[in-house]
Amino acid sequence: MKERREDQRQKREKARIEMLYDEHMDQQRQFEDLKRGLASVTMEEWNNLPEIEDKSLKRKREKEREIYTPVPDSVIEAKRMRDSTEIYLDPRQQVLGGFETPSGIASTSLSAAREKVCSI
């Protein structure tokens, strides 16, 4: 029984190897005439053959440029808040005198004092 299975396995393996060999030979036969034709190509003709290009990499780079990743709303809002200037007064600021400092010290006197200290 074991010998019979072994013989069948060897036959299958031999048939598979023959099939692969035949396929390989068929491909070789397809290009035999072209290979013979290459013998008559001059060096000048050979040097004038165009170089091949890798088109797949070019397509990948084009796709990478097309990808659009949206910016999160939090980033847009933070930028807007950072760049915006205050153009209105809330009720508390209106009562306390607008954009003046709450302590009553004018900002011009602070800058004058700073310049006085720095000039020494």
Protein backbone atom coordinates (compact mmCIF):
# COMPACT_ATOMS: atom_id res chain seq x y z
CA MET A 1 0.00 0.00 0.00
CA LYS A 2 2.77 2.39 0.97
CA GLU A 3 4.73 1.56 -2.18
CA ARG A 4 1.66 2.20 -4.33
CA ARG A 5 1.15 5.67 -2.78
CA GLU A 6 4.84 6.42 -3.22
CA ASP A 7 4.66 5.43 -6.92
CA GLN A 8 1.58 7.63 -7.46
CA ARG A 9 3.25 10.59 -5.75
CA GLN A 10 6.36 10.16 -7.92
CA LYS A 11 4.22 10.00 -11.09
CA ARG A 12 2.37 13.20 -10.11
CA GLU A 13 5.66 14.94 -9.35
CA LYS A 14 7.18 13.81 -12.63
CA ALA A 15 4.10 14.98 -14.57
CA ARG A 16 4.23 18.39 -12.84
CA ILE A 17 7.92 18.80 -13.63
CA GLU A 18 7.34 17.87 -17.29
CA MET A 19 4.47 20.37 -17.53
CA LEU A 20 6.61 23.17 -16.10
CA TYR A 21 9.45 22.26 -18.47
CA ASP A 22 7.10 22.30 -21.48
CA GLU A 23 5.75 25.73 -20.48
CA HIS A 24 9.28 27.04 -20.14
CA MET A 25 10.25 25.61 -23.51
CA ASP A 26 7.15 27.14 -25.14
CA GLN A 27 8.18 30.56 -23.88
CA GLN A 28 11.73 30.01 -25.11
CA ARG A 29 10.51 28.97 -28.57
CA GLN A 30 8.36 32.11 -28.81
CA PHE A 31 11.42 34.33 -28.68
CA GLU A 32 13.92 32.24 -30.63
CA ASP A 33 13.49 34.22 -33.87
CA LEU A 34 13.84 37.52 -32.00
CA LYS A 35 17.01 36.33 -30.31
CA ARG A 36 18.48 35.37 -33.66
CA GLY A 37 17.54 38.82 -34.98
CA LEU A 38 19.53 40.49 -32.21
CA ALA A 39 22.74 39.09 -33.70
CA SER A 40 22.35 41.44 -36.68
CA VAL A 41 21.83 44.61 -34.57
CA THR A 42 24.73 47.03 -34.88
CA MET A 43 26.28 48.78 -31.91
CA GLU A 44 24.91 52.14 -33.15
CA GLU A 45 21.35 50.76 -33.27
CA TRP A 46 21.82 49.25 -29.82
CA ASN A 47 22.98 52.59 -28.37
CA ASN A 48 20.00 54.42 -29.93
CA LEU A 49 17.46 52.27 -28.05
CA PRO A 50 15.46 54.45 -25.62
CA GLU A 51 15.88 53.92 -21.89
CA ILE A 52 12.96 52.47 -19.98
CA GLU A 53 11.27 54.58 -17.32
CA ASP A 54 9.70 53.48 -14.09
CA LYS A 55 6.17 54.76 -14.59
CA SER A 56 4.87 53.18 -11.38
CA LEU A 57 6.92 55.52 -9.18
CA LYS A 58 5.74 58.51 -11.17
CA ARG A 59 2.10 57.53 -10.64
CA LYS A 60 2.69 57.03 -6.90
CA ARG A 61 4.18 60.51 -6.58
CA GLU A 62 1.23 62.03 -8.45
CA LYS A 63 -1.22 60.27 -6.12
CA GLU A 64 0.68 61.52 -3.06
CA ARG A 65 0.25 65.10 -4.27
CA GLU A 66 -3.48 64.55 -4.73
CA ILE A 67 -4.10 63.42 -1.16
CA TYR A 68 -5.90 66.12 0.81
CA THR A 69 -5.89 65.99 4.58
CA PRO A 70 -8.28 68.53 6.10
CA VAL A 71 -7.06 70.69 8.95
CA PRO A 72 -8.98 70.14 12.20
CA ASP A 73 -11.42 72.87 13.17
CA SER A 74 -9.62 73.37 16.49
CA VAL A 75 -6.45 74.43 14.65
CA ILE A 76 -8.37 76.86 12.44
CA GLU A 77 -10.20 78.33 15.43
CA ALA A 78 -6.97 78.72 17.44
CA LYS A 79 -5.33 80.55 14.53
CA ARG A 80 -8.35 82.81 14.14
CA MET A 81 -8.38 83.65 17.83
CA ARG A 82 -4.64 84.32 17.91
CA ASP A 83 -4.73 86.63 14.89
CA SER A 84 -7.89 88.47 15.80
CA THR A 85 -7.92 91.83 17.55
CA GLU A 86 -10.45 92.88 20.09
CA ILE A 87 -12.92 95.22 18.44
CA TYR A 88 -15.65 95.44 21.05
CA LEU A 89 -15.98 96.13 24.75
CA ASP A 90 -17.89 93.82 27.03
CA PRO A 91 -20.09 95.39 29.75
CA ARG A 92 -17.38 95.06 32.44
CA GLN A 93 -14.85 96.87 30.28
CA GLN A 94 -17.33 99.64 29.56
CA VAL A 95 -17.84 100.24 33.29
CA LEU A 96 -14.11 100.17 34.08
CA GLY A 97 -13.11 102.56 31.31
CA GLY A 98 -12.63 100.47 28.23
CA PHE A 99 -9.12 99.35 27.36
CA GLU A 100 -7.44 101.26 30.19
CA THR A 101 -5.82 99.29 32.95
CA PRO A 102 -8.05 98.58 35.95
CA SER A 103 -5.60 100.15 38.43
CA GLY A 104 -6.00 103.56 36.84
CA ILE A 105 -2.37 103.75 35.69
CA ALA A 106 -2.13 104.84 32.09
CA SER A 107 -0.04 102.66 29.83
CA THR A 108 1.87 105.75 28.61
CA SER A 109 3.24 106.38 32.10
CA LEU A 110 4.37 102.75 32.36
CA SER A 111 6.24 102.95 29.08
CA ALA A 112 7.83 106.25 30.11
CA ALA A 113 9.00 104.69 33.40
CA ARG A 114 10.43 101.69 31.56
CA GLU A 115 12.39 103.91 29.19
CA LYS A 116 13.69 105.96 32.12
CA VAL A 117 14.94 102.81 33.89
CA CYS A 118 16.48 101.36 30.72
CA SER A 119 18.29 104.59 29.83
CA ILE A 120 20.24 104.65 33.11
